[in-house]
PDB file of N, CA and C in Angstrom:
ATOM      1  N   MET A   1      24.986  18.044  -4.419  1.00  0.00           N
ATOM      2  CA  MET A   1      25.282  16.655  -4.036  1.00  0.00           C
ATOM      3  C   MET A   1      24.177  15.720  -4.602  1.00  0.00           C
ATOM      4  N   VAL A   2      22.953  16.189  -4.512  1.00  0.00           N
ATOM      5  CA  VAL A   2      21.863  15.346  -5.020  1.00  0.00           C
ATOM      6  C   VAL A   2      22.068  15.065  -6.503  1.00  0.00           C
ATOM      7  N   MET A   3      22.448  16.102  -7.245  1.00  0.00           N
ATOM      8  CA  MET A   3      22.664  15.924  -8.676  1.00  0.00           C
ATOM      9  C   MET A   3      23.783  14.917  -8.921  1.00  0.00           C
ATOM     10  N   ASP A   4      24.771  14.917  -8.021  1.00  0.00           N
ATOM     11  CA  ASP A   4      25.904  14.002  -8.181  1.00  0.00           C
ATOM     12  C   ASP A   4      25.418  12.559  -8.174  1.00  0.00           C
ATOM     13  N   TRP A   5      24.660  12.193  -7.161  1.00  0.00           N
ATOM     14  CA  TRP A   5      24.194  10.801  -7.068  1.00  0.00           C
ATOM     15  C   TRP A   5      23.196  10.523  -8.188  1.00  0.00           C
ATOM     16  N   TYR A   6      22.440  11.532  -8.575  1.00  0.00           N
ATOM     17  CA  TYR A   6      21.461  11.351  -9.653  1.00  0.00           C
ATOM     18  C   TYR A   6      22.180  11.037 -10.961  1.00  0.00           C
ATOM     19  N   SER A   7      23.248  11.791 -11.225  1.00  0.00           N
ATOM     20  CA  SER A   7      24.025  11.576 -12.454  1.00  0.00           C
ATOM     21  C   SER A   7      24.627  10.177 -12.441  1.00  0.00           C
ATOM     22  N   LEU A   8      25.176   9.809 -11.292  1.00  0.00           N
ATOM     23  CA  LEU A   8      25.793   8.490 -11.170  1.00  0.00           C
ATOM     24  C   LEU A   8      24.745   7.417 -11.437  1.00  0.00           C
ATOM     25  N   ARG A   9      23.550   7.635 -10.936  1.00  0.00           N
ATOM     26  CA  ARG A   9      22.483   6.653 -11.103  1.00  0.00           C
ATOM     27  C   ARG A   9      22.123   6.512 -12.581  1.00  0.00           C
ATOM     28  N   VAL A  10      22.055   7.628 -13.276  1.00  0.00           N
ATOM     29  CA  VAL A  10      21.709   7.583 -14.705  1.00  0.00           C
ATOM     30  C   VAL A  10      22.797   6.853 -15.485  1.00  0.00           C
ATOM     31  N   ILE A  11      24.051   7.161 -15.148  1.00  0.00           N
ATOM     32  CA  ILE A  11      25.175   6.531 -15.861  1.00  0.00           C
ATOM     33  C   ILE A  11      25.217   5.034 -15.555  1.00  0.00           C
ATOM     34  N   SER A  12      24.988   4.691 -14.295  1.00  0.00           N
ATOM     35  CA  SER A  12      25.026   3.271 -13.897  1.00  0.00           C
ATOM     36  C   SER A  12      23.607   2.777 -13.648  1.00  0.00           C
ATOM     37  N   GLY A  13      22.736   3.020 -14.604  1.00  0.00           N
ATOM     38  CA  GLY A  13      21.350   2.579 -14.451  1.00  0.00           C
ATOM     39  C   GLY A  13      21.269   1.078 -14.228  1.00  0.00           C
ATOM     40  N   LYS A  14      22.221   0.353 -14.816  1.00  0.00           N
ATOM     41  CA  LYS A  14      22.199  -1.107 -14.653  1.00  0.00           C
ATOM     42  C   LYS A  14      22.457  -1.496 -13.201  1.00  0.00           C
ATOM     43  N   GLU A  15      23.305  -0.716 -12.539  1.00  0.00           N
ATOM     44  CA  GLU A  15      23.648  -1.052 -11.144  1.00  0.00           C
ATOM     45  C   GLU A  15      22.566  -0.520 -10.216  1.00  0.00           C
ATOM     46  N   LYS A  16      21.494  -1.266 -10.083  1.00  0.00           N
ATOM     47  CA  LYS A  16      20.396  -0.816  -9.209  1.00  0.00           C
ATOM     48  C   LYS A  16      20.837  -0.858  -7.753  1.00  0.00           C
ATOM     49  N   SER A  17      21.783  -1.722  -7.456  1.00  0.00           N
ATOM     50  CA  SER A  17      22.255  -1.818  -6.064  1.00  0.00           C
ATOM     51  C   SER A  17      22.802  -0.467  -5.607  1.00  0.00           C
ATOM     52  N   ILE A  18      23.485   0.235  -6.493  1.00  0.00           N
ATOM     53  CA  ILE A  18      24.051   1.546  -6.127  1.00  0.00           C
ATOM     54  C   ILE A  18      22.905   2.520  -5.858  1.00  0.00           C
ATOM     55  N   GLU A  19      21.914   2.489  -6.721  1.00  0.00           N
ATOM     56  CA  GLU A  19      20.774   3.400  -6.558  1.00  0.00           C
ATOM     57  C   GLU A  19      20.102   3.149  -5.215  1.00  0.00           C
ATOM     58  N   THR A  20      19.902   1.885  -4.895  1.00  0.00           N
ATOM     59  CA  THR A  20      19.256   1.546  -3.621  1.00  0.00           C
ATOM     60  C   THR A  20      20.134   1.982  -2.459  1.00  0.00           C
ATOM     61  N   SER A  21      21.429   1.785  -2.609  1.00  0.00           N
ATOM     62  CA  SER A  21      22.350   2.153  -1.517  1.00  0.00           C
ATOM     63  C   SER A  21      22.266   3.655  -1.256  1.00  0.00           C
ATOM     64  N   ILE A  22      22.323   4.436  -2.301  1.00  0.00           N
ATOM     65  CA  ILE A  22      22.278   5.893  -2.138  1.00  0.00           C
ATOM     66  C   ILE A  22      20.897   6.312  -1.641  1.00  0.00           C
ATOM     67  N   MET A  23      19.860   5.710  -2.211  1.00  0.00           N
ATOM     68  CA  MET A  23      18.504   6.069  -1.798  1.00  0.00           C
ATOM     69  C   MET A  23      18.334   5.815  -0.306  1.00  0.00           C
ATOM     70  N   ARG A  24      18.922   4.721   0.166  1.00  0.00           N
ATOM     71  CA  ARG A  24      18.820   4.396   1.593  1.00  0.00           C
ATOM     72  C   ARG A  24      19.524   5.483   2.402  1.00  0.00           C
ATOM     73  N   GLU A  25      20.642   5.963   1.900  1.00  0.00           N
ATOM     74  CA  GLU A  25      21.389   7.011   2.627  1.00  0.00           C
ATOM     75  C   GLU A  25      20.541   8.279   2.711  1.00  0.00           C
ATOM     76  N   ILE A  26      19.887   8.619   1.628  1.00  0.00           N
ATOM     77  CA  ILE A  26      19.053   9.829   1.622  1.00  0.00           C
ATOM     78  C   ILE A  26      17.875   9.630   2.573  1.00  0.00           C
ATOM     79  N   ASP A  27      17.322   8.423   2.561  1.00  0.00           N
ATOM     80  CA  ASP A  27      16.175   8.136   3.430  1.00  0.00           C
ATOM     81  C   ASP A  27      16.579   8.319   4.886  1.00  0.00           C
ATOM     82  N   GLU A  28      17.809   7.905   5.185  1.00  0.00           N
ATOM     83  CA  GLU A  28      18.301   8.031   6.560  1.00  0.00           C
ATOM     84  C   GLU A  28      18.409   9.501   6.883  1.00  0.00           C
TER      85      GLU A  28
END
């Protein structure tokens, strides 16, 4: 699952909002 969000983040590097959203979920 971690790799999934990581891959998505790399593909959508421009969309930092997505990265922050997922990072917040992991932090929780």
